Amino acid sequence: MPTEKEMINSLIDKFTDLQRIKKSPDLEKEVDYQLKITKAKLESFGIITEDLELQ
């Protein structure tokens, strides 16, 4: 179970990511970037993301 500090950090990251997307002049490019970063983080924990991607 994540600690309170880990949960706060995760929420700050999410808030920052959403702000970046909202303010981006190129929404598609920013969303693609956010997906790449999130995919890399998940894969660093051994989570395969291929099954999670929408077809």
PDB file of N, CA and C in Angstrom:
ATOM      1  N   MET A   1       0.852  -1.182   0.000  1.00  0.00           N
ATOM      2  CA  MET A   1       0.000   0.000   0.000  1.00  0.00           C
ATOM      3  C   MET A   1       0.892   1.238   0.000  1.00  0.00           C
ATOM      4  N   PRO A   2       0.575   2.204  -0.867  1.00  0.00           N
ATOM      5  CA  PRO A   2       1.410   3.403  -0.933  1.00  0.00           C
ATOM      6  C   PRO A   2       1.294   4.238   0.352  1.00  0.00           C
ATOM      7  N   THR A   3       2.391   4.908   0.644  1.00  0.00           N
ATOM      8  CA  THR A   3       2.382   5.798   1.797  1.00  0.00           C
ATOM      9  C   THR A   3       1.653   7.086   1.438  1.00  0.00           C
ATOM     10  N   GLU A   4       1.349   7.879   2.440  1.00  0.00           N
ATOM     11  CA  GLU A   4       0.670   9.155   2.196  1.00  0.00           C
ATOM     12  C   GLU A   4       1.520  10.060   1.302  1.00  0.00           C
ATOM     13  N   LYS A   5       2.837  10.086   1.537  1.00  0.00           N
ATOM     14  CA  LYS A   5       3.724  10.915   0.721  1.00  0.00           C
ATOM     15  C   LYS A   5       3.743  10.443  -0.734  1.00  0.00           C
ATOM     16  N   GLU A   6       3.731   9.132  -0.942  1.00  0.00           N
ATOM     17  CA  GLU A   6       3.692   8.585  -2.304  1.00  0.00           C
ATOM     18  C   GLU A   6       2.388   8.955  -3.006  1.00  0.00           C
ATOM     19  N   MET A   7       1.284   8.903  -2.287  1.00  0.00           N
ATOM     20  CA  MET A   7      -0.001   9.267  -2.882  1.00  0.00           C
ATOM     21  C   MET A   7      -0.034  10.762  -3.214  1.00  0.00           C
ATOM     22  N   ILE A   8       0.485  11.598  -2.325  1.00  0.00           N
ATOM     23  CA  ILE A   8       0.541  13.041  -2.585  1.00  0.00           C
ATOM     24  C   ILE A   8       1.400  13.307  -3.810  1.00  0.00           C
ATOM     25  N   ASN A   9       2.554  12.659  -3.892  1.00  0.00           N
ATOM     26  CA  ASN A   9       3.443  12.842  -5.040  1.00  0.00           C
ATOM     27  C   ASN A   9       2.757  12.421  -6.334  1.00  0.00           C
ATOM     28  N   SER A  10       2.045  11.324  -6.297  1.00  0.00           N
ATOM     29  CA  SER A  10       1.327  10.841  -7.472  1.00  0.00           C
ATOM     30  C   SER A  10       0.253  11.840  -7.916  1.00  0.00           C
ATOM     31  N   LEU A  11      -0.466  12.393  -6.961  1.00  0.00           N
ATOM     32  CA  LEU A  11      -1.501  13.375  -7.294  1.00  0.00           C
ATOM     33  C   LEU A  11      -0.908  14.676  -7.825  1.00  0.00           C
ATOM     34  N   ILE A  12       0.229  15.104  -7.280  1.00  0.00           N
ATOM     35  CA  ILE A  12       0.904  16.293  -7.806  1.00  0.00           C
ATOM     36  C   ILE A  12       1.337  16.045  -9.241  1.00  0.00           C
ATOM     37  N   ASP A  13       1.888  14.858  -9.517  1.00  0.00           N
ATOM     38  CA  ASP A  13       2.276  14.503 -10.884  1.00  0.00           C
ATOM     39  C   ASP A  13       1.070  14.546 -11.819  1.00  0.00           C
ATOM     40  N   LYS A  14      -0.039  13.983 -11.381  1.00  0.00           N
ATOM     41  CA  LYS A  14      -1.244  13.956 -12.215  1.00  0.00           C
ATOM     42  C   LYS A  14      -1.747  15.374 -12.477  1.00  0.00           C
ATOM     43  N   PHE A  15      -1.784  16.197 -11.432  1.00  0.00           N
ATOM     44  CA  PHE A  15      -2.220  17.585 -11.563  1.00  0.00           C
ATOM     45  C   PHE A  15      -1.334  18.333 -12.554  1.00  0.00           C
ATOM     46  N   THR A  16      -0.017  18.149 -12.427  1.00  0.00           N
ATOM     47  CA  THR A  16       0.932  18.801 -13.330  1.00  0.00           C
ATOM     48  C   THR A  16       0.723  18.332 -14.767  1.00  0.00           C
ATOM     49  N   ASP A  17       0.554  17.039 -14.949  1.00  0.00           N
ATOM     50  CA  ASP A  17       0.324  16.495 -16.291  1.00  0.00           C
ATOM     51  C   ASP A  17      -0.939  17.082 -16.914  1.00  0.00           C
ATOM     52  N   LEU A  18      -2.012  17.166 -16.147  1.00  0.00           N
ATOM     53  CA  LEU A  18      -3.260  17.711 -16.672  1.00  0.00           C
ATOM     54  C   LEU A  18      -3.119  19.192 -17.017  1.00  0.00           C
ATOM     55  N   GLN A  19      -2.372  19.927 -16.200  1.00  0.00           N
ATOM     56  CA  GLN A  19      -2.119  21.339 -16.499  1.00  0.00           C
ATOM     57  C   GLN A  19      -1.344  21.482 -17.804  1.00  0.00           C
ATOM     58  N   ARG A  20      -0.342  20.632 -17.994  1.00  0.00           N
ATOM     59  CA  ARG A  20       0.453  20.661 -19.233  1.00  0.00           C
ATOM     60  C   ARG A  20      -0.422  20.391 -20.448  1.00  0.00           C
ATOM     61  N   ILE A  21      -1.298  19.400 -20.333  1.00  0.00           N
ATOM     62  CA  ILE A  21      -2.182  19.060 -21.441  1.00  0.00           C
ATOM     63  C   ILE A  21      -3.123  20.234 -21.730  1.00  0.00           C
ATOM     64  N   LYS A  22      -3.697  20.792 -20.696  1.00  0.00           N
ATOM     65  CA  LYS A  22      -4.662  21.886 -20.860  1.00  0.00           C
ATOM     66  C   LYS A  22      -4.025  23.105 -21.527  1.00  0.00           C
ATOM     67  N   LYS A  23      -2.775  23.417 -21.197  1.00  0.00           N
ATOM     68  CA  LYS A  23      -2.110  24.616 -21.710  1.00  0.00           C
ATOM     69  C   LYS A  23      -1.315  24.380 -22.988  1.00  0.00           C
ATOM     70  N   SER A  24      -1.239  23.168 -23.433  1.00  0.00           N
ATOM     71  CA  SER A  24      -0.419  22.839 -24.597  1.00  0.00           C
ATOM     72  C   SER A  24      -0.982  23.438 -25.888  1.00  0.00           C
ATOM     73  N   PRO A  25      -0.108  24.045 -26.697  1.00  0.00           N
ATOM     74  CA  PRO A  25      -0.559  24.542 -27.993  1.00  0.00           C
ATOM     75  C   PRO A  25      -0.837  23.398 -28.980  1.00  0.00           C
ATOM     76  N   ASP A  26      -0.252  22.230 -28.724  1.00  0.00           N
ATOM     77  CA  ASP A  26      -0.458  21.059 -29.577  1.00  0.00           C
ATOM     78  C   ASP A  26      -0.937  19.915 -28.690  1.00  0.00           C
ATOM     79  N   LEU A  27      -2.239  19.838 -28.523  1.00  0.00           N
ATOM     80  CA  LEU A  27      -2.848  18.873 -27.604  1.00  0.00           C
ATOM     81  C   LEU A  27      -2.448  17.439 -27.922  1.00  0.00           C
ATOM     82  N   GLU A  28      -2.514  17.070 -29.186  1.00  0.00           N
ATOM     83  CA  GLU A  28      -2.183  15.703 -29.602  1.00  0.00           C
ATOM     84  C   GLU A  28      -0.740  15.345 -29.243  1.00  0.00           C
ATOM     85  N   LYS A  29       0.175  16.264 -29.497  1.00  0.00           N
ATOM     86  CA  LYS A  29       1.587  16.033 -29.205  1.00  0.00           C
ATOM     87  C   LYS A  29       1.827  15.877 -27.697  1.00  0.00           C
ATOM     88  N   GLU A  30       1.177  16.701 -26.905  1.00  0.00           N
ATOM     89  CA  GLU A  30       1.340  16.626 -25.448  1.00  0.00           C
ATOM     90  C   GLU A  30       0.763  15.338 -24.890  1.00  0.00           C
ATOM     91  N   VAL A  31      -0.404  14.929 -25.380  1.00  0.00           N
ATOM     92  CA  VAL A  31      -1.005  13.675 -24.914  1.00  0.00           C
ATOM     93  C   VAL A  31      -0.099  12.496 -25.279  1.00  0.00           C
ATOM     94  N   ASP A  32       0.441  12.496 -26.491  1.00  0.00           N
ATOM     95  CA  ASP A  32       1.368  11.431 -26.896  1.00  0.00           C
ATOM     96  C   ASP A  32       2.585  11.393 -25.978  1.00  0.00           C
ATOM     97  N   TYR A  33       3.117  12.575 -25.642  1.00  0.00           N
ATOM     98  CA  TYR A  33       4.270  12.654 -24.738  1.00  0.00           C
ATOM     99  C   TYR A  33       3.917  12.088 -23.363  1.00  0.00           C
ATOM    100  N   GLN A  34       2.764  12.485 -22.823  1.00  0.00           N
ATOM    101  CA  GLN A  34       2.341  12.001 -21.509  1.00  0.00           C
ATOM    102  C   GLN A  34       2.158  10.482 -21.519  1.00  0.00           C
ATOM    103  N   LEU A  35       1.616   9.951 -22.609  1.00  0.00           N
ATOM    104  CA  LEU A  35       1.463   8.501 -22.726  1.00  0.00           C
ATOM    105  C   LEU A  35       2.816   7.790 -22.741  1.00  0.00           C
ATOM    106  N   LYS A  36       3.791   8.340 -23.453  1.00  0.00           N
ATOM    107  CA  LYS A  36       5.130   7.740 -23.504  1.00  0.00           C
ATOM    108  C   LYS A  36       5.773   7.703 -22.124  1.00  0.00           C
ATOM    109  N   ILE A  37       5.665   8.819 -21.384  1.00  0.00           N
ATOM    110  CA  ILE A  37       6.246   8.887 -20.041  1.00  0.00           C
ATOM    111  C   ILE A  37       5.576   7.877 -19.112  1.00  0.00           C
ATOM    112  N   THR A  38       4.245   7.831 -19.151  1.00  0.00           N
ATOM    113  CA  THR A  38       3.506   6.913 -18.286  1.00  0.00           C
ATOM    114  C   THR A  38       3.813   5.462 -18.640  1.00  0.00           C
ATOM    115  N   LYS A  39       3.899   5.161 -19.928  1.00  0.00           N
ATOM    116  CA  LYS A  39       4.232   3.812 -20.383  1.00  0.00           C
ATOM    117  C   LYS A  39       5.618   3.403 -19.876  1.00  0.00           C
ATOM    118  N   ALA A  40       6.578   4.306 -19.972  1.00  0.00           N
ATOM    119  CA  ALA A  40       7.933   4.013 -19.492  1.00  0.00           C
ATOM    120  C   ALA A  40       7.942   3.748 -17.995  1.00  0.00           C
ATOM    121  N   LYS A  41       7.182   4.530 -17.239  1.00  0.00           N
ATOM    122  CA  LYS A  41       7.105   4.324 -15.784  1.00  0.00           C
ATOM    123  C   LYS A  41       6.487   2.960 -15.463  1.00  0.00           C
ATOM    124  N   LEU A  42       5.394   2.630 -16.139  1.00  0.00           N
ATOM    125  CA  LEU A  42       4.746   1.335 -15.900  1.00  0.00           C
ATOM    126  C   LEU A  42       5.670   0.175 -16.252  1.00  0.00           C
ATOM    127  N   GLU A  43       6.338   0.290 -17.400  1.00  0.00           N
ATOM    128  CA  GLU A  43       7.232  -0.785 -17.828  1.00  0.00           C
ATOM    129  C   GLU A  43       8.445  -0.924 -16.913  1.00  0.00           C
ATOM    130  N   SER A  44       8.862   0.159 -16.263  1.00  0.00           N
ATOM    131  CA  SER A  44       9.975   0.071 -15.317  1.00  0.00           C
ATOM    132  C   SER A  44       9.602  -0.772 -14.099  1.00  0.00           C
ATOM    133  N   PHE A  45       8.286  -0.930 -13.858  1.00  0.00           N
ATOM    134  CA  PHE A  45       7.797  -1.784 -12.781  1.00  0.00           C
ATOM    135  C   PHE A  45       7.388  -3.158 -13.294  1.00  0.00           C
ATOM    136  N   GLY A  46       7.667  -3.429 -14.576  1.00  0.00           N
ATOM    137  CA  GLY A  46       7.360  -4.731 -15.139  1.00  0.00           C
ATOM    138  C   GLY A  46       5.933  -4.891 -15.619  1.00  0.00           C
ATOM    139  N   ILE A  47       5.201  -3.794 -15.743  1.00  0.00           N
ATOM    140  CA  ILE A  47       3.816  -3.860 -16.200  1.00  0.00           C
ATOM    141  C   ILE A  47       3.797  -3.707 -17.715  1.00  0.00           C
ATOM    142  N   ILE A  48       3.251  -4.702 -18.378  1.00  0.00           N
ATOM    143  CA  ILE A  48       3.163  -4.682 -19.846  1.00  0.00           C
ATOM    144  C   ILE A  48       1.946  -3.852 -20.229  1.00  0.00           C
ATOM    145  N   THR A  49       2.167  -2.819 -21.032  1.00  0.00           N
ATOM    146  CA  THR A  49       1.091  -1.890 -21.363  1.00  0.00           C
ATOM    147  C   THR A  49       0.331  -2.236 -22.635  1.00  0.00           C
ATOM    148  N   GLU A  50       0.845  -3.171 -23.406  1.00  0.00           N
ATOM    149  CA  GLU A  50       0.196  -3.514 -24.673  1.00  0.00           C
ATOM    150  C   GLU A  50      -1.246  -3.945 -24.476  1.00  0.00           C
ATOM    151  N   ASP A  51      -1.514  -4.678 -23.409  1.00  0.00           N
ATOM    152  CA  ASP A  51      -2.866  -5.161 -23.140  1.00  0.00           C
ATOM    153  C   ASP A  51      -3.802  -4.042 -22.690  1.00  0.00           C
ATOM    154  N   LEU A  52      -3.244  -2.916 -22.274  1.00  0.00           N
ATOM    155  CA  LEU A  52      -4.037  -1.794 -21.781  1.00  0.00           C
ATOM    156  C   LEU A  52      -4.421  -0.806 -22.872  1.00  0.00           C
ATOM    157  N   GLU A  53      -3.735  -0.893 -24.020  1.00  0.00           N
ATOM    158  CA  GLU A  53      -3.965   0.074 -25.076  1.00  0.00           C
ATOM    159  C   GLU A  53      -5.266  -0.191 -25.795  1.00  0.00           C
ATOM    160  N   LEU A  54      -5.986   0.898 -26.103  1.00  0.00           N
ATOM    161  CA  LEU A  54      -7.259   0.793 -26.834  1.00  0.00           C
ATOM    162  C   LEU A  54      -6.972   0.429 -28.275  1.00  0.00           C
ATOM    163  N   GLN A  55      -7.816  -0.404 -28.828  1.00  0.00           N
ATOM    164  CA  GLN A  55      -7.666  -0.833 -30.230  1.00  0.00           C
ATOM    165  C   GLN A  55      -8.614  -0.086 -31.118  1.00  0.00           C
TER     166      GLN A  55
END
